[in-house]
């Protein structure tokens, strides 16, 4: 089963539940996508975010991305950080209005979040795709999101 939530329906509270349930469901690492921006403001924002994530850095490795553009491979090299109680606080404080925040992606270049359980991507929010996916979501998350999310069988 896959849970979908569109950019139009997602908000900070639902994003918070998604991050917390990803951790509760056994996700132990995450990645974040940065778009190159030619502004000092965006570069400084990205530098500060990477600096705040530094204590959680695990490694750089090949990992699945789920959503792919322009014949991009579905597995690509990504920096991976440990997902734990402390790193979820950094994510929540850095995601803007929510995990698919248009302003954050456009201005600061933070355009996607992926949550992994070992080597499998469990949840994925990609700004350009305008949807967040959560594979085999816990029933508690489904209840918390209510009508904001849709469920599909895969």
Protein backbone atom coordinates (compact mmCIF):
# COMPACT_ATOMS: atom_id res chain seq x y z
CA UNK A 1 0.00 0.00 0.00
CA UNK A 2 1.19 3.54 -0.71
CA UNK A 3 0.02 6.74 0.94
CA UNK A 4 -0.02 9.87 -1.24
CA UNK A 5 -0.44 13.42 -0.09
CA UNK A 6 -0.36 16.32 -2.53
CA UNK A 7 1.35 19.65 -2.12
CA UNK A 8 -2.09 21.25 -1.92
CA UNK A 9 -3.11 19.14 1.09
CA UNK A 10 0.14 18.89 3.03
CA UNK A 11 0.91 21.29 5.85
CA UNK A 12 3.45 21.55 8.67
CA UNK A 13 1.46 19.35 11.05
CA UNK A 14 1.01 16.52 8.52
CA UNK A 15 4.69 16.78 7.55
CA UNK A 16 5.63 16.51 11.22
CA UNK A 17 3.55 13.33 11.54
CA UNK A 18 5.17 11.89 8.41
CA UNK A 19 8.70 12.49 9.73
CA UNK A 20 7.84 11.10 13.17
CA UNK A 21 6.09 8.03 11.75
CA UNK A 22 8.98 7.40 9.35
CA UNK A 23 11.24 7.14 12.40
CA UNK A 24 8.69 5.03 14.30
CA UNK A 25 8.35 2.71 11.27
CA UNK A 26 12.07 1.93 11.44
CA UNK A 27 13.56 4.48 9.07
CA UNK A 28 17.12 4.98 10.20
CA UNK A 29 18.51 7.41 7.63
CA UNK A 30 17.46 10.18 5.29
CA UNK A 31 18.71 12.32 2.43
CA UNK A 32 17.89 15.86 1.37
CA UNK A 33 18.03 17.34 -2.13
CA UNK A 34 19.66 20.70 -2.72
CA UNK A 35 19.24 22.65 -5.94
CA UNK A 36 22.07 24.93 -6.97
CA UNK A 37 21.10 28.53 -6.39
CA UNK A 38 23.18 31.51 -7.40
CA UNK A 39 22.29 33.67 -4.43
CA UNK A 40 24.28 34.25 -1.27
CA UNK A 41 21.10 33.81 0.78
CA UNK A 42 20.41 30.32 -0.60
CA UNK A 43 24.02 29.22 -0.31
CA UNK A 44 24.16 30.42 3.29
CA UNK A 45 20.87 28.64 4.12
CA UNK A 46 22.14 25.38 2.63
CA UNK A 47 25.49 25.73 4.41
CA UNK A 48 23.75 26.23 7.77
CA UNK A 49 21.44 23.28 7.19
CA UNK A 50 24.33 20.99 6.26
CA UNK A 51 26.23 22.25 9.30
CA UNK A 52 23.28 21.47 11.59
CA UNK A 53 23.04 17.99 10.07
CA UNK A 54 26.81 17.31 10.40
CA UNK A 55 26.53 15.33 13.69
CA UNK A 56 24.20 12.88 11.93
CA UNK A 57 26.19 12.36 8.72
CA UNK A 58 26.65 8.68 7.88
CA UNK A 59 28.13 8.42 4.43
CA UNK A 60 27.62 9.12 0.78
CA UNK A 61 26.24 6.17 -1.10
CA UNK A 62 24.00 4.94 -3.87
CA UNK A 63 20.36 4.90 -2.81
CA UNK A 64 16.94 4.77 -4.53
CA UNK A 65 15.06 8.00 -5.21
CA UNK A 66 11.55 6.77 -6.35
CA UNK A 67 10.79 9.93 -8.38
CA UNK A 68 13.02 10.45 -11.41
CA UNK A 69 13.18 13.22 -14.04
CA UNK A 70 14.60 13.45 -17.57
CA UNK A 71 15.87 9.86 -17.71
CA UNK A 72 17.62 10.24 -14.36
CA UNK A 73 18.57 6.87 -12.81
CA UNK A 74 16.32 5.59 -10.02
CA UNK A 75 19.42 4.94 -7.93
CA UNK A 76 21.91 7.75 -7.45
CA UNK A 77 24.69 8.89 -5.14
CA UNK A 78 23.29 10.77 -2.15
CA UNK A 79 24.57 12.02 1.18
CA UNK A 80 22.86 10.09 3.95
CA UNK A 81 22.24 11.19 7.52
CA UNK A 82 21.07 9.22 10.56
CA UNK A 83 17.37 9.59 11.34
CA UNK A 84 16.86 9.81 15.11
CA UNK A 85 15.03 12.01 17.62
CA UNK A 86 17.64 14.77 17.36
CA UNK A 87 17.87 14.81 13.56
CA UNK A 88 14.06 14.89 13.22
CA UNK A 89 14.15 18.17 15.18
CA UNK A 90 16.58 19.60 12.62
CA UNK A 91 14.40 18.40 9.73
CA UNK A 92 11.28 19.94 11.25
CA UNK A 93 13.02 23.25 11.88
CA UNK A 94 14.42 23.30 8.32
CA UNK A 95 11.49 22.25 6.15
CA UNK A 96 9.72 25.59 5.94
CA UNK A 97 5.92 25.41 5.90
CA UNK A 98 6.07 21.67 5.11
CA UNK A 99 8.12 18.97 3.35
CA UNK A 100 7.06 20.22 -0.12
CA UNK A 101 7.45 23.95 0.56
CA UNK A 102 7.48 25.88 -2.75
CA UNK A 103 9.13 28.94 -1.23
CA UNK A 104 11.90 26.92 0.39
CA UNK A 105 12.59 25.07 -2.86
CA UNK A 106 12.50 28.22 -4.99
CA UNK A 107 14.47 30.50 -2.68
CA UNK A 108 16.79 28.28 -0.65
CA UNK A 109 17.03 25.26 -2.94
CA UNK A 110 15.79 22.55 -0.54
CA UNK A 111 13.70 20.46 -2.90
CA UNK A 112 13.33 16.95 -1.55
CA UNK A 113 13.49 14.64 1.45
CA UNK A 114 13.83 10.84 1.45
CA UNK A 115 13.53 8.53 4.44
CA UNK A 116 15.15 5.08 4.33
CA UNK A 117 14.81 1.89 6.29
CA UNK A 118 18.23 0.40 5.76
CA UNK A 119 18.62 0.53 1.96
CA UNK A 120 14.95 0.90 1.01
CA UNK A 121 13.25 4.24 0.57
CA UNK A 122 10.06 4.30 2.66
CA UNK A 123 8.92 7.91 2.31
CA UNK A 124 9.76 10.55 -0.25
CA UNK A 125 8.80 14.21 -0.67
CA UNK A 126 9.99 15.82 -3.91
CA UNK A 127 9.03 19.44 -4.58
CA UNK A 128 8.97 19.17 -8.39
CA UNK A 129 6.65 16.18 -8.26
CA UNK A 130 4.27 17.91 -5.81
CA UNK A 131 3.50 14.72 -3.90
CA UNK A 132 4.75 12.91 -0.85
CA UNK A 133 4.76 9.11 -0.83
CA UNK A 134 4.90 6.77 2.16
CA UNK A 135 5.16 3.04 1.39
CA UNK A 136 3.26 0.69 3.70
CA UNK A 137 2.30 3.50 6.08
CA UNK A 138 1.54 2.71 9.73
CA UNK A 139 -2.18 2.78 10.55
CA UNK A 140 -1.59 5.57 13.09
CA UNK A 141 -0.23 7.83 10.33
CA UNK A 142 -3.22 7.07 8.11
CA UNK A 143 -5.53 8.06 10.98
CA UNK A 144 -3.57 11.26 11.74
CA UNK A 145 -3.63 12.43 8.11
CA UNK A 146 -7.27 11.52 7.53
CA UNK A 147 -8.72 12.95 4.34
CA UNK A 148 -5.52 14.84 3.45
CA UNK A 149 -3.99 11.62 2.14
CA UNK A 150 -5.09 8.93 -0.29
CA UNK A 151 -4.20 5.24 -0.18
CA UNK A 152 -3.47 3.06 -3.18
CA UNK A 153 -2.67 -0.61 -3.41
CA UNK A 154 0.49 -1.39 -5.36
